[in-house]
Amino acid sequence: MSSPLRLVVGLGNPGSDYSETRHNAGFWFCERLARELGASFARESRYHGLVARRPKYNAAGADLYMLMPQTFMNRSGRSVQALMHFYRIQPAEMLVVHDELDIPPGQLRLKFGGGLGGHNGLKDITAHLGTQDYWRLRIGIGHPGDRNDVLNYVLKPPRKEEAGEIDAAIDRALLAWPLLAKSEFNAATQKINARLAAPKTEEPKETP
């Protein structure tokens, strides 16, 4: 039986200067999830982040924690490790939600373990935990096309049409949340990873 999720970590950078940038897609998901679950975030200095909690949430009767590290992206592991250590949460009981350059806006990928894709937040979490074996929800933000432009790209807000696609993807992820909450990871993966069909274009009608 799969371990139930006890911790959802949204990755991003703290402060109003970064709140609307592509790199904060993980924060966006966490904020929406907490709102849906009726939980609210509070600053917890011992965990270096903002924490929300739903008591006795899963079938095992364990609390569900949501964490948004306030340590900046490349130091996310410090915050994650502090909370996991205090509550004795195992890596397999954690879902990390983050932006993903290699997936277009509007698409999502859920997976367990695997590579880090050069993501600084994942790299720091993995370094602190000593393992890559945790769940990740990758929210597509697209790629600028030139790796030299990546830093500037992720630290800017998405274009209007991209923002709409990212919001719609987060909506789909939240629809799959009940499956994740019940540890039905195969069903959740199929639902989240399904590629959207391209919109059909109507053929012009013949006029008499």
Protein backbone atom coordinates (compact mmCIF):
# COMPACT_ATOMS: atom_id res chain seq x y z
CA MET A 1 0.00 0.00 0.00
CA SER A 2 1.31 3.47 -0.89
CA SER A 3 2.15 5.86 1.92
CA PRO A 4 -0.51 8.57 2.37
CA LEU A 5 0.50 12.15 1.64
CA ARG A 6 1.21 14.11 4.81
CA LEU A 7 3.00 17.12 3.32
CA VAL A 8 2.47 19.27 0.22
CA VAL A 9 5.32 21.68 -0.53
CA GLY A 10 4.82 24.51 -2.99
CA LEU A 11 8.05 26.01 -4.34
CA GLY A 12 8.59 29.68 -5.08
CA ASN A 13 10.30 32.85 -3.91
CA PRO A 14 8.97 34.99 -1.04
CA GLY A 15 7.86 38.61 -1.35
CA SER A 16 5.62 40.69 -3.56
CA ASP A 17 8.37 41.17 -6.17
CA TYR A 18 8.12 37.48 -7.06
CA SER A 19 4.50 36.60 -6.33
CA GLU A 20 3.30 36.79 -9.95
CA THR A 21 6.40 35.25 -11.58
CA ARG A 22 6.48 31.88 -13.35
CA HIS A 23 8.88 30.43 -10.74
CA ASN A 24 6.10 30.74 -8.13
CA ALA A 25 3.69 28.29 -9.76
CA GLY A 26 4.17 25.92 -6.79
CA PHE A 27 3.05 28.66 -4.40
CA TRP A 28 -0.04 29.29 -6.56
CA PHE A 29 -1.09 25.64 -6.29
CA CYS A 30 -0.50 25.51 -2.53
CA GLU A 31 -2.51 28.67 -1.93
CA ARG A 32 -5.42 27.32 -3.97
CA LEU A 33 -5.31 23.90 -2.27
CA ALA A 34 -5.32 25.44 1.21
CA ARG A 35 -8.27 27.62 0.26
CA GLU A 36 -10.22 24.59 -1.02
CA LEU A 37 -9.46 22.66 2.17
CA GLY A 38 -10.44 25.57 4.42
CA ALA A 39 -6.92 25.97 5.83
CA SER A 40 -4.94 29.18 6.20
CA PHE A 41 -1.20 29.84 6.15
CA ALA A 42 0.73 31.26 9.09
CA ARG A 43 4.42 32.08 9.34
CA GLU A 44 6.32 29.42 11.32
CA SER A 45 9.88 30.59 11.99
CA ARG A 46 11.05 27.16 13.16
CA TYR A 47 10.28 25.81 9.66
CA HIS A 48 11.45 28.94 7.81
CA GLY A 49 8.17 29.11 5.91
CA LEU A 50 4.42 29.56 5.75
CA VAL A 51 2.51 26.53 7.03
CA ALA A 52 -1.14 25.48 6.79
CA ARG A 53 -2.63 22.37 8.42
CA ARG A 54 -5.71 20.19 8.06
CA PRO A 55 -6.01 18.01 11.21
CA LYS A 56 -6.66 14.28 10.89
CA TYR A 57 -7.08 14.62 7.15
CA ASN A 58 -6.17 11.28 5.62
CA ALA A 59 -7.52 7.75 6.15
CA ALA A 60 -4.72 7.02 8.61
CA GLY A 61 -5.89 9.92 10.78
CA ALA A 62 -2.71 11.93 10.20
CA ASP A 63 -2.61 15.70 9.77
CA LEU A 64 -1.94 17.17 6.33
CA TYR A 65 0.60 20.00 6.20
CA MET A 66 1.08 22.52 3.40
CA LEU A 67 4.37 24.40 3.29
CA MET A 68 5.63 27.36 1.27
CA PRO A 69 9.32 27.85 2.13
CA GLN A 70 10.35 31.48 2.64
CA THR A 71 14.06 30.81 2.18
CA PHE A 72 14.19 31.55 -1.58
CA MET A 73 14.09 28.80 -4.18
CA ASN A 74 17.67 27.54 -4.04
CA ARG A 75 17.51 27.08 -0.24
CA SER A 76 14.11 25.35 -0.06
CA GLY A 77 15.58 22.20 1.48
CA ARG A 78 16.29 23.88 4.81
CA SER A 79 12.61 24.63 5.32
CA VAL A 80 11.38 21.26 4.08
CA GLN A 81 13.84 19.28 6.19
CA ALA A 82 12.97 21.22 9.36
CA LEU A 83 9.24 20.49 9.09
CA MET A 84 9.69 16.86 8.03
CA HIS A 85 12.10 16.18 10.87
CA PHE A 86 9.82 17.70 13.52
CA TYR A 87 6.70 15.81 12.40
CA ARG A 88 8.57 12.65 11.37
CA ILE A 89 7.31 12.77 7.81
CA GLN A 90 8.98 10.40 5.34
CA PRO A 91 10.05 11.54 1.83
CA ALA A 92 7.50 9.16 0.21
CA GLU A 93 4.76 11.00 2.14
CA MET A 94 5.61 14.34 0.48
CA LEU A 95 4.42 16.00 -2.73
CA VAL A 96 6.56 18.87 -4.06
CA VAL A 97 4.79 21.18 -6.52
CA HIS A 98 6.99 23.27 -8.82
CA ASP A 99 7.25 25.07 -12.15
CA GLU A 100 8.62 23.07 -15.10
CA LEU A 101 10.38 24.58 -18.13
CA ASP A 102 10.22 21.40 -20.22
CA ILE A 103 6.41 21.25 -20.19
CA PRO A 104 4.25 23.79 -22.06
CA PRO A 105 1.77 25.99 -20.17
CA GLY A 106 -1.48 24.10 -19.62
CA GLN A 107 0.20 20.71 -19.11
CA LEU A 108 1.05 18.87 -15.89
CA ARG A 109 3.11 15.84 -14.89
CA LEU A 110 2.85 13.83 -11.69
CA LYS A 111 5.67 11.41 -10.93
CA PHE A 112 7.53 9.73 -8.09
CA GLY A 113 11.30 10.17 -7.90
CA GLY A 114 13.43 10.51 -10.99
CA GLY A 115 15.73 13.28 -12.15
CA LEU A 116 15.72 16.87 -10.95
CA GLY A 117 15.70 18.58 -14.35
CA GLY A 118 18.10 21.27 -13.18
CA HIS A 119 15.48 22.75 -10.84
CA ASN A 120 17.28 24.52 -8.00
CA GLY A 121 14.48 23.96 -5.49
CA LEU A 122 14.40 20.22 -6.12
CA LYS A 123 18.19 20.02 -6.02
CA ASP A 124 18.34 21.66 -2.59
CA ILE A 125 15.51 19.53 -1.17
CA THR A 126 17.19 16.36 -2.45
CA ALA A 127 20.56 17.44 -1.01
CA HIS A 128 19.00 18.01 2.43
CA LEU A 129 16.98 14.78 2.44
CA GLY A 130 19.59 12.58 0.80
CA THR A 131 17.00 11.04 -1.53
CA GLN A 132 15.04 11.79 -4.70
CA ASP A 133 12.24 9.42 -3.74
CA TYR A 134 9.32 11.79 -3.23
CA TRP A 135 6.33 12.81 -5.31
CA ARG A 136 6.53 15.82 -7.66
CA LEU A 137 3.77 17.71 -9.43
CA ARG A 138 5.32 19.61 -12.33
CA ILE A 139 3.36 22.62 -13.60
CA GLY A 140 4.33 23.53 -17.15
CA ILE A 141 5.47 27.10 -17.78
CA GLY A 142 7.16 26.56 -21.16
CA HIS A 143 10.74 27.36 -22.19
CA PRO A 144 12.08 30.66 -23.57
CA GLY A 145 13.98 28.77 -26.27
CA ASP A 146 17.46 29.84 -25.16
CA ARG A 147 18.96 28.48 -21.94
CA ASN A 148 20.72 31.82 -21.40
CA ASP A 149 17.29 33.43 -21.05
CA VAL A 150 15.95 30.96 -18.47
CA LEU A 151 16.66 32.99 -15.32
CA ASN A 152 15.08 36.13 -16.72
CA TYR A 153 12.14 34.07 -18.04
CA VAL A 154 11.22 32.29 -14.78
CA LEU A 155 11.46 35.54 -12.80
CA LYS A 156 8.88 37.30 -14.98
CA PRO A 157 5.08 36.92 -14.99
CA PRO A 158 3.60 34.70 -17.71
CA ARG A 159 1.91 36.35 -20.66
CA LYS A 160 -1.83 36.70 -20.35
CA GLU A 161 -2.68 33.65 -22.47
CA GLU A 162 -0.06 31.55 -20.64
CA ALA A 163 -1.42 32.63 -17.25
CA GLY A 164 -4.87 31.40 -18.28
CA GLU A 165 -3.44 28.03 -19.35
CA ILE A 166 -1.47 27.65 -16.11
CA ASP A 167 -4.56 28.51 -14.05
CA ALA A 168 -6.58 25.92 -15.98
CA ALA A 169 -3.87 23.30 -15.34
CA ILE A 170 -3.95 24.05 -11.60
CA ASP A 171 -7.75 23.65 -11.74
CA ARG A 172 -7.27 20.17 -13.24
CA ALA A 173 -4.71 19.25 -10.60
CA LEU A 174 -7.12 20.29 -7.85
CA LEU A 175 -9.83 18.11 -9.40
CA ALA A 176 -7.42 15.18 -9.02
CA TRP A 177 -6.56 16.07 -5.43
CA PRO A 178 -9.21 13.73 -3.87
CA LEU A 179 -7.41 10.81 -5.59
CA LEU A 180 -4.07 11.92 -4.18
CA ALA A 181 -5.59 12.35 -0.73
CA LYS A 182 -6.79 8.72 -0.87
CA SER A 183 -3.33 7.50 -2.07
CA GLU A 184 -4.83 6.47 -5.41
CA PHE A 185 -1.66 7.52 -7.18
CA ASN A 186 -2.12 5.52 -10.39
CA ALA A 187 -5.54 7.04 -11.03
CA ALA A 188 -4.27 10.51 -10.10
CA THR A 189 -1.29 10.15 -12.45
CA GLN A 190 -3.53 9.16 -15.36
CA LYS A 191 -5.88 12.07 -14.70
CA ILE A 192 -3.16 14.68 -14.22
CA ASN A 193 -0.81 13.55 -17.00
CA ALA A 194 -3.51 13.28 -19.67
CA ARG A 195 -2.62 15.55 -22.57
CA LEU A 196 -5.28 17.99 -23.60
CA ALA A 197 -6.65 17.52 -27.08
CA ALA A 198 -5.97 20.37 -29.46
CA PRO A 199 -9.07 22.50 -30.05
CA LYS A 200 -11.00 21.50 -33.16
CA THR A 201 -11.12 24.01 -35.93
CA GLU A 202 -14.40 24.28 -37.78
CA GLU A 203 -14.29 23.94 -41.51
CA PRO A 204 -15.72 26.94 -43.35
CA LYS A 205 -19.33 26.38 -44.36
CA GLU A 206 -20.23 26.49 -48.00
CA THR A 207 -22.49 29.39 -48.94
CA PRO A 208 -24.99 29.07 -51.76
